[in-house]
Protein backbone atom coordinates (compact mmCIF):
# COMPACT_ATOMS: atom_id res chain seq x y z
CA UNK A 1 23.25 13.93 15.22
CA UNK A 2 20.17 13.47 17.43
CA UNK A 3 17.13 12.85 15.23
CA UNK A 4 13.43 13.02 16.08
CA UNK A 5 10.57 11.72 13.91
CA UNK A 6 7.05 13.12 14.27
CA UNK A 7 4.62 10.84 12.44
CA UNK A 8 1.13 12.18 11.64
CA UNK A 9 -1.50 9.48 11.08
CA UNK A 10 -5.28 9.35 10.84
CA UNK A 11 -5.83 6.94 13.72
CA UNK A 12 -2.88 4.62 14.23
CA UNK A 13 -2.07 3.19 16.77
CA UNK A 14 -5.63 3.60 18.08
CA UNK A 15 -8.69 1.84 16.68
CA UNK A 16 -8.52 -0.66 13.82
CA UNK A 17 -7.51 1.56 10.91
CA UNK A 18 -4.11 1.78 9.20
CA UNK A 19 -3.14 -1.75 10.23
CA UNK A 20 -0.39 -1.74 7.59
CA UNK A 21 1.64 0.78 9.62
CA UNK A 22 2.35 -2.02 12.10
CA UNK A 23 4.93 -3.54 9.74
CA UNK A 24 6.72 -0.21 9.28
CA UNK A 25 6.73 1.06 12.84
CA UNK A 26 9.10 -1.73 13.93
CA UNK A 27 11.87 -0.08 11.87
CA UNK A 28 11.48 3.52 13.05
CA UNK A 29 13.72 3.33 16.11
CA UNK A 30 16.55 1.96 13.96
CA UNK A 31 16.76 5.36 12.27
CA UNK A 32 15.59 7.92 14.83
CA UNK A 33 16.50 8.45 18.48
CA UNK A 34 12.95 9.54 19.24
CA UNK A 35 9.66 8.68 17.54
CA UNK A 36 6.36 10.42 18.31
CA UNK A 37 3.10 9.33 16.61
CA UNK A 38 0.20 11.80 16.51
CA UNK A 39 -3.14 10.55 15.12
CA UNK A 40 -5.47 13.44 14.25
CA UNK A 41 -8.85 11.86 13.43
CA UNK A 42 -9.94 10.25 16.69
CA UNK A 43 -12.47 10.91 19.40
CA UNK A 44 -11.02 11.67 22.84
CA UNK A 45 -10.51 8.60 25.00
CA UNK A 46 -10.36 6.01 22.22
CA UNK A 47 -8.56 2.84 23.36
CA UNK A 48 -5.11 1.87 22.18
CA UNK A 49 -5.42 -1.24 20.00
CA UNK A 50 -1.84 -2.03 18.94
CA UNK A 51 1.29 -3.15 20.72
CA UNK A 52 4.12 -0.83 19.70
CA UNK A 53 7.87 -1.38 20.00
CA UNK A 54 9.40 -0.09 23.20
CA UNK A 55 10.31 3.58 23.18
CA UNK A 56 7.76 4.80 20.63
CA UNK A 57 5.53 7.55 21.98
CA UNK A 58 1.96 8.17 20.85
CA UNK A 59 -0.65 10.75 21.80
CA UNK A 60 -4.30 11.15 20.90
CA UNK A 61 -4.35 14.89 20.19
CA UNK A 62 -8.12 15.24 19.68
CA UNK A 63 -9.87 17.59 22.10
CA UNK A 64 -13.43 17.10 20.82
CA UNK A 65 -15.47 14.34 19.22
CA UNK A 66 -14.84 14.36 15.49
CA UNK A 67 -18.51 14.96 14.68
CA UNK A 68 -18.49 18.12 16.81
CA UNK A 69 -15.09 19.31 15.62
CA UNK A 70 -15.93 18.87 11.94
CA UNK A 71 -19.20 20.74 12.33
CA UNK A 72 -17.11 23.63 13.60
CA UNK A 73 -14.78 23.22 10.61
CA UNK A 74 -17.74 23.59 8.24
CA UNK A 75 -19.03 26.69 10.03
CA UNK A 76 -15.55 28.19 9.92
CA UNK A 77 -15.40 27.40 6.22
CA UNK A 78 -18.56 29.41 5.61
CA UNK A 79 -16.94 32.41 7.31
CA UNK A 80 -13.86 32.06 5.12
CA UNK A 81 -15.99 32.40 1.99
CA UNK A 82 -16.19 36.10 2.84
CA UNK A 83 -12.69 36.44 4.30
CA UNK A 84 -10.40 34.10 2.32
CA UNK A 85 -7.20 32.80 3.89
CA UNK A 86 -3.81 33.12 2.20
CA UNK A 87 -4.10 29.48 1.10
CA UNK A 88 -6.96 30.29 -1.27
CA UNK A 89 -4.61 31.77 -3.88
CA UNK A 90 -3.14 28.30 -4.48
CA UNK A 91 -6.45 26.82 -5.67
CA UNK A 92 -8.43 29.90 -6.74
CA UNK A 93 -8.14 29.16 -10.45
CA UNK A 94 -9.04 25.48 -10.11
CA UNK A 95 -12.01 26.19 -7.84
CA UNK A 96 -13.36 28.93 -10.09
CA UNK A 97 -17.05 29.56 -9.43
CA UNK A 98 -17.77 26.05 -8.12
CA UNK A 99 -19.30 26.66 -4.69
CA UNK A 100 -19.04 23.02 -3.61
CA UNK A 101 -15.31 22.93 -4.34
CA UNK A 102 -14.88 26.20 -2.48
CA UNK A 103 -16.69 24.86 0.58
CA UNK A 104 -14.67 21.64 0.48
CA UNK A 105 -11.48 23.69 0.25
CA UNK A 106 -12.40 25.90 3.21
CA UNK A 107 -13.53 22.91 5.28
CA UNK A 108 -10.25 21.15 4.48
CA UNK A 109 -8.22 24.19 5.55
CA UNK A 110 -10.14 24.67 8.80
CA UNK A 111 -9.93 20.99 9.65
CA UNK A 112 -6.18 20.94 9.04
CA UNK A 113 -5.48 24.12 11.02
CA UNK A 114 -7.48 22.76 13.95
CA UNK A 115 -5.55 19.48 13.87
CA UNK A 116 -2.26 21.39 13.69
CA UNK A 117 -3.13 23.36 16.82
CA UNK A 118 -4.07 20.15 18.62
CA UNK A 119 -0.75 18.56 17.62
CA UNK A 120 1.24 21.62 18.63
CA UNK A 121 -0.38 21.71 22.05
CA UNK A 122 0.89 18.18 22.67
CA UNK A 123 4.32 18.70 21.12
CA UNK A 124 5.07 21.79 23.22
CA UNK A 125 5.04 19.49 26.25
CA UNK A 126 7.28 16.86 24.66
CA UNK A 127 10.61 18.66 25.05
CA UNK A 128 11.92 18.16 21.51
CA UNK A 129 13.73 21.49 21.10
CA UNK A 130 17.09 19.84 21.78
CA UNK A 131 17.18 17.70 18.63
CA UNK A 132 19.54 18.49 15.75
CA UNK A 133 17.17 17.07 13.14
CA UNK A 134 13.37 16.88 13.10
CA UNK A 135 11.54 14.93 10.40
CA UNK A 136 7.79 15.40 10.10
CA UNK A 137 6.31 12.33 8.44
CA UNK A 138 2.75 12.53 7.09
CA UNK A 139 1.27 9.14 6.33
CA UNK A 140 -1.27 10.57 3.87
CA UNK A 141 -1.01 13.22 1.17
CA UNK A 142 -4.08 14.99 2.48
CA UNK A 143 -4.94 16.66 5.81
CA UNK A 144 -2.01 15.04 7.63
CA UNK A 145 0.34 16.55 5.03
CA UNK A 146 -1.14 20.03 5.54
CA UNK A 147 -0.63 19.60 9.29
CA UNK A 148 2.92 18.59 8.45
CA UNK A 149 3.52 21.80 6.49
CA UNK A 150 2.50 23.90 9.48
CA UNK A 151 4.60 21.83 11.89
CA UNK A 152 7.62 22.17 9.61
CA UNK A 153 7.24 25.96 9.65
CA UNK A 154 6.92 25.95 13.44
CA UNK A 155 10.10 23.90 13.96
CA UNK A 156 12.19 25.49 11.21
CA UNK A 157 14.06 27.74 13.65
CA UNK A 158 14.21 25.21 16.47
CA UNK A 159 16.53 22.62 14.88
CA UNK A 160 19.47 22.68 12.48
CA UNK A 161 17.53 20.49 10.06
CA UNK A 162 13.76 20.20 9.59
CA UNK A 163 12.25 18.04 6.84
CA UNK A 164 8.74 17.12 5.77
CA UNK A 165 7.92 13.94 3.88
CA UNK A 166 4.58 12.43 2.96
CA UNK A 167 3.40 9.08 1.73
CA UNK A 168 0.55 8.94 -0.80
CA UNK A 169 -1.79 6.02 -1.41
CA UNK A 170 -5.16 6.09 -3.17
CA UNK A 171 -7.90 8.54 -2.20
CA UNK A 172 -5.18 11.12 -1.51
CA UNK A 173 -3.69 10.70 -5.01
CA UNK A 174 -6.52 10.27 -7.50
CA UNK A 175 -8.84 13.26 -7.90
CA UNK A 176 -11.45 11.13 -9.65
CA UNK A 177 -12.08 9.22 -6.43
CA UNK A 178 -13.48 12.39 -4.92
CA UNK A 179 -17.11 13.24 -5.65
CA UNK A 180 -16.00 16.70 -6.80
CA UNK A 181 -13.09 15.37 -8.87
CA UNK A 182 -10.92 17.69 -6.78
CA UNK A 183 -8.31 17.41 -4.03
CA UNK A 184 -7.30 20.63 -2.24
CA UNK A 185 -3.88 22.28 -2.26
CA UNK A 186 -1.97 19.80 -4.41
CA UNK A 187 0.64 22.34 -5.56
CA UNK A 188 0.91 23.90 -2.11
CA UNK A 189 1.65 20.53 -0.52
CA UNK A 190 4.16 19.58 -3.21
CA UNK A 191 5.87 22.94 -2.86
CA UNK A 192 6.28 22.55 0.90
CA UNK A 193 7.11 18.85 1.17
CA UNK A 194 10.74 17.84 0.80
CA UNK A 195 9.63 14.55 -0.73
CA UNK A 196 6.39 12.72 -1.55
CA UNK A 197 6.37 8.93 -1.74
CA UNK A 198 3.41 7.30 -3.54
CA UNK A 199 3.04 3.62 -2.70
CA UNK A 200 2.87 2.62 -6.38
CA UNK A 201 4.47 3.56 -9.69
CA UNK A 202 0.99 4.31 -11.01
CA UNK A 203 0.48 6.84 -8.21
CA UNK A 204 3.84 8.44 -8.95
CA UNK A 205 3.02 8.71 -12.65
CA UNK A 206 -0.35 10.26 -11.82
CA UNK A 207 1.12 13.02 -9.66
CA UNK A 208 4.07 13.74 -11.95
CA UNK A 209 1.87 13.92 -15.05
CA UNK A 210 -0.23 16.63 -13.41
CA UNK A 211 2.56 18.50 -11.66
CA UNK A 212 5.74 17.89 -13.69
CA UNK A 213 7.51 20.84 -12.08
CA UNK A 214 7.71 18.77 -8.87
CA UNK A 215 8.87 15.53 -10.49
CA UNK A 216 12.17 15.56 -8.60
CA UNK A 217 10.29 15.44 -5.29
CA UNK A 218 8.07 12.45 -6.12
CA UNK A 219 9.41 8.89 -5.90
CA UNK A 220 7.71 5.52 -5.46
CA UNK A 221 8.21 3.83 -2.10
CA UNK A 222 6.38 0.53 -1.76
CA UNK A 223 4.93 -0.51 1.54
CA UNK A 224 5.87 -3.94 2.86
CA UNK A 225 4.68 -6.78 5.06
CA UNK A 226 6.53 -9.05 7.45
CA UNK A 227 7.77 -12.50 6.52
CA UNK A 228 5.57 -15.01 8.34
CA UNK A 229 6.55 -17.98 6.19
CA UNK A 230 4.82 -19.87 3.40
CA UNK A 231 1.23 -21.03 3.47
CA UNK A 232 -0.26 -24.29 2.27
CA UNK A 233 -2.85 -25.16 -0.37
CA UNK A 234 -5.96 -27.30 -0.21
CA UNK A 235 -5.77 -31.02 -0.86
CA UNK A 236 -9.27 -30.92 -2.34
CA UNK A 237 -11.22 -28.06 -3.90
CA UNK A 238 -10.29 -24.38 -3.58
CA UNK A 239 -10.24 -22.02 -0.63
CA UNK A 240 -10.64 -18.45 -1.91
CA UNK A 241 -10.00 -15.45 0.36
CA UNK A 242 -10.82 -11.76 0.04
CA UNK A 243 -9.71 -9.09 2.50
CA UNK A 244 -11.02 -5.52 2.47
CA UNK A 245 -13.55 -3.15 3.91
CA UNK A 246 -17.09 -3.97 2.82
CA UNK A 247 -17.86 -0.82 0.84
CA UNK A 248 -19.38 -0.06 -2.54
CA UNK A 249 -15.96 0.59 -4.07
CA UNK A 250 -14.74 -2.92 -3.13
CA UNK A 251 -17.72 -4.63 -4.84
CA UNK A 252 -17.78 -7.69 -2.58
CA UNK A 253 -21.24 -8.45 -3.97
CA UNK A 254 -19.54 -9.30 -7.25
CA UNK A 255 -17.61 -12.11 -5.55
CA UNK A 256 -20.95 -13.61 -4.55
CA UNK A 257 -22.07 -13.47 -8.20
CA UNK A 258 -18.83 -15.19 -9.28
CA UNK A 259 -19.27 -17.97 -6.74
CA UNK A 260 -22.92 -18.39 -7.70
CA UNK A 261 -21.91 -19.03 -11.31
CA UNK A 262 -19.37 -21.63 -10.19
CA UNK A 263 -21.86 -23.28 -7.86
CA UNK A 264 -24.49 -23.59 -10.57
CA UNK A 265 -22.19 -25.78 -12.67
CA UNK A 266 -22.14 -28.36 -9.88
CA UNK A 267 -18.49 -29.12 -10.68
CA UNK A 268 -16.49 -27.15 -8.12
CA UNK A 269 -15.95 -27.50 -4.40
CA UNK A 270 -15.17 -24.03 -3.11
CA UNK A 271 -14.86 -22.32 0.26
CA UNK A 272 -14.86 -18.52 0.51
CA UNK A 273 -13.59 -16.49 3.46
CA UNK A 274 -13.87 -12.72 3.68
CA UNK A 275 -11.76 -10.73 6.15
CA UNK A 276 -13.02 -7.22 6.85
CA UNK A 277 -16.20 -5.44 7.81
CA UNK A 278 -18.48 -2.59 6.80
CA UNK A 279 -22.04 -1.35 6.97
CA UNK A 280 -23.05 -3.50 3.98
CA UNK A 281 -22.13 -6.76 5.70
CA UNK A 282 -25.70 -7.72 6.76
CA UNK A 283 -26.89 -7.15 3.19
CA UNK A 284 -24.09 -9.33 1.80
CA UNK A 285 -24.68 -12.11 4.31
CA UNK A 286 -28.34 -12.11 3.27
CA UNK A 287 -27.28 -12.36 -0.37
CA UNK A 288 -24.99 -15.30 0.47
CA UNK A 289 -27.86 -17.15 2.12
CA UNK A 290 -30.02 -16.56 -0.94
CA UNK A 291 -27.52 -17.32 -3.72
CA UNK A 292 -24.94 -19.74 -2.30
CA UNK A 293 -26.53 -22.96 -1.11
CA UNK A 294 -23.52 -25.28 -1.35
CA UNK A 295 -20.52 -22.96 -1.11
CA UNK A 296 -18.91 -22.89 2.34
CA UNK A 297 -18.64 -19.21 3.32
CA UNK A 298 -17.48 -17.27 6.36
CA UNK A 299 -17.19 -13.58 7.25
CA UNK A 300 -14.46 -13.04 9.84
CA UNK A 301 -15.06 -9.30 10.22
CA UNK A 302 -12.27 -6.96 11.29
CA UNK A 303 -9.49 -8.88 12.98
CA UNK A 304 -6.10 -7.63 14.23
CA UNK A 305 -3.19 -7.75 11.81
CA UNK A 306 -1.43 -10.53 13.72
CA UNK A 307 -4.59 -12.66 13.47
CA UNK A 308 -4.63 -12.18 9.69
CA UNK A 309 -1.15 -13.72 9.59
CA UNK A 310 -2.27 -16.51 11.92
CA UNK A 311 -5.19 -17.23 9.61
CA UNK A 312 -2.91 -17.62 6.59
CA UNK A 313 -0.48 -19.74 8.62
CA UNK A 314 -3.14 -22.12 9.91
CA UNK A 315 -5.49 -22.46 6.93
CA UNK A 316 -4.82 -23.72 3.40
CA UNK A 317 -5.60 -20.86 0.97
CA UNK A 318 -5.52 -21.29 -2.80
CA UNK A 319 -6.49 -17.92 -4.28
CA UNK A 320 -6.86 -14.32 -3.18
CA UNK A 321 -9.58 -12.40 -5.02
CA UNK A 322 -10.31 -8.69 -5.43
CA UNK A 323 -13.10 -7.18 -7.52
CA UNK A 324 -12.47 -3.58 -6.42
CA UNK A 325 -13.03 -0.73 -8.87
CA UNK A 326 -10.27 1.42 -7.36
CA UNK A 327 -7.11 0.76 -5.34
CA UNK A 328 -3.76 2.20 -4.35
CA UNK A 329 -1.55 -0.85 -3.96
CA UNK A 330 -3.31 -3.14 -1.46
CA UNK A 331 -1.36 -4.31 1.57
CA UNK A 332 -3.86 -7.19 1.77
CA UNK A 333 -2.39 -8.50 -1.49
CA UNK A 334 1.15 -8.15 -0.15
CA UNK A 335 0.16 -10.24 2.87
CA UNK A 336 -1.36 -12.92 0.66
CA UNK A 337 1.59 -12.95 -1.75
CA UNK A 338 4.03 -13.33 1.15
CA UNK A 339 2.41 -16.69 1.89
CA UNK A 340 2.71 -17.70 -1.77
CA UNK A 341 -0.98 -17.23 -2.58
CA UNK A 342 -1.83 -16.43 -6.22
CA UNK A 343 -4.09 -13.43 -6.85
CA UNK A 344 -6.93 -12.75 -9.29
CA UNK A 345 -7.92 -9.09 -9.38
CA UNK A 346 -9.20 -6.17 -11.36
CA UNK A 347 -6.40 -4.17 -12.96
CA UNK A 348 -6.85 -0.93 -11.02
CA UNK A 349 -4.43 1.48 -9.35
CA UNK A 350 -1.09 -0.14 -8.61
CA UNK A 351 -2.38 -3.73 -8.51
CA UNK A 352 -0.36 -4.64 -11.62
CA UNK A 353 2.79 -4.09 -9.56
CA UNK A 354 1.96 -7.14 -7.44
CA UNK A 355 -0.06 -9.27 -9.90
CA UNK A 356 1.28 -10.45 -13.26
CA UNK A 357 -1.07 -12.44 -15.46
CA UNK A 358 0.18 -15.96 -16.12
CA UNK A 359 2.96 -15.53 -13.54
CA UNK A 360 1.38 -15.29 -10.09
CA UNK A 361 -2.27 -14.78 -10.91
CA UNK A 362 -4.56 -12.98 -13.32
CA UNK A 363 -5.41 -9.34 -13.99
CA UNK A 364 -8.83 -8.55 -15.40
CA UNK A 365 -10.32 -5.28 -16.59
CA UNK A 366 -11.90 -2.90 -14.08
CA UNK A 367 -15.30 -3.76 -15.57
CA UNK A 368 -14.61 -7.49 -15.88
CA UNK A 369 -17.73 -9.61 -15.62
CA UNK A 370 -18.42 -12.35 -13.10
CA UNK A 371 -18.01 -14.81 -15.99
CA UNK A 372 -14.45 -13.62 -16.65
CA UNK A 373 -13.48 -14.12 -13.01
CA UNK A 374 -15.22 -17.49 -12.95
CA UNK A 375 -13.38 -18.59 -16.10
CA UNK A 376 -9.98 -18.00 -14.48
CA UNK A 377 -11.03 -19.78 -11.29
CA UNK A 378 -12.18 -22.74 -13.38
CA UNK A 379 -8.81 -22.85 -15.14
CA UNK A 380 -6.93 -22.67 -11.87
CA UNK A 381 -9.16 -25.35 -10.38
CA UNK A 382 -8.20 -27.66 -13.24
CA UNK A 383 -4.44 -27.13 -12.92
CA UNK A 384 -2.25 -29.92 -11.59
CA UNK A 385 -0.01 -29.41 -8.57
CA UNK A 386 3.06 -28.41 -10.59
CA UNK A 387 1.11 -25.67 -12.38
CA UNK A 388 -0.31 -24.33 -9.14
CA UNK A 389 3.13 -24.49 -7.52
CA UNK A 390 4.45 -22.31 -10.36
CA UNK A 391 1.94 -19.58 -9.49
CA UNK A 392 2.55 -19.94 -5.76
CA UNK A 393 6.33 -19.79 -6.02
CA UNK A 394 6.12 -16.72 -8.22
CA UNK A 395 3.74 -14.94 -5.87
CA UNK A 396 6.28 -15.39 -3.09
CA UNK A 397 9.18 -14.32 -5.36
CA UNK A 398 7.38 -11.15 -6.41
CA UNK A 399 6.69 -10.31 -2.76
CA UNK A 400 10.32 -10.95 -1.78
CA UNK A 401 11.52 -8.70 -4.58
CA UNK A 402 9.38 -5.65 -3.87
CA UNK A 403 7.22 -5.93 -0.75
CA UNK A 404 9.24 -7.62 1.99
CA UNK A 405 9.16 -5.24 4.96
CA UNK A 406 12.66 -6.34 5.91
CA UNK A 407 13.93 -4.72 2.72
CA UNK A 408 11.28 -2.12 1.83
CA UNK A 409 11.47 -0.07 5.02
CA UNK A 410 15.26 0.01 5.49
CA UNK A 411 15.47 1.08 1.83
CA UNK A 412 12.85 3.76 2.46
CA UNK A 413 14.65 5.26 5.44
CA UNK A 414 17.93 5.15 3.51
CA UNK A 415 16.61 7.53 0.84
CA UNK A 416 18.59 10.80 0.68
CA UNK A 417 15.86 12.95 2.27
CA UNK A 418 15.52 10.51 5.18
CA UNK A 419 19.03 9.20 5.72
CA UNK A 420 21.42 10.65 8.27
CA UNK A 421 23.39 13.61 6.93
């Protein structure tokens, strides 16, 4: 059976987003004769930033700058207020009289339909009508999934087998992350997907608890990272690393407060490295200069995924820290754990699936204070080598068990909906 995979992403393999797909894409050609990647949220002409395995096709489908296209989506949404689409019936009760939810819904629909048309224009020139099986793979349970529904309907009579699957992560799972406490077309997407794969058990439980009638379609599928070997630890002091976007939700400023408390004791030699960027970086660097006089700090900004691995290979790292108030299941933690690095983090989203207190790190409450984080770091600082080795060995073991790309992705593509018939 000749099989074709059409993968719908936000930006991958262009730009710097969705770096975690790099670990998965290496396995796609093992399971499909043809792989086509279609990112839908780019500006025309954006440069390709990733090296992909030979034989994987990718096309930037965008015909207009996103700012222009989305303005049109909003205008179209206003028109739909007076002439509702057929999709409105799925969310009419939940939207009720809330005008903001209605506008978000209509914008979402217009944006998705536009992206579908852009994808279809490209796919019609790809000559994929001769495949026995077509799998549409949405990387997010949001607009890319809606595009996937429409593509599935288009191809349904053009191949013997057409399937639609979607991953689900964080913002596309938890309604409370949205300012309106609302995500459009949840039931519609679940109805039309053949399977939905949240990246954490917590995400699976969240969806199933709200839509139990679709429980048989929802199954956890962890992401994974490559095996780049074990890292080393510092001979003196602690090197603490964080890796995330610099946004309000990640609360990087709290790490500065934690380090300030440690510095004020005068007892601890600590270096802090942050990997990642964001519009709050200048503000944070100013705060570092003001509050941290003796702590060695560095901001590496956004660096390619392979350079993240090189960093962990070439630098002793003792702890990974996250103070985020919301997560899916962070790939950054999988990368750190693969090198045997213990993790101290807030207990949010699916983090507890990769951090076990007293085993490979420490989980703290979502509202944990800087003092609570500092207390654990003090304890870890005072551990002897055998105690630290216990944490490091367990971090690696936990990664090997659940997040090794060499196992996670072959297992994923062997699931009944994805395996060869």
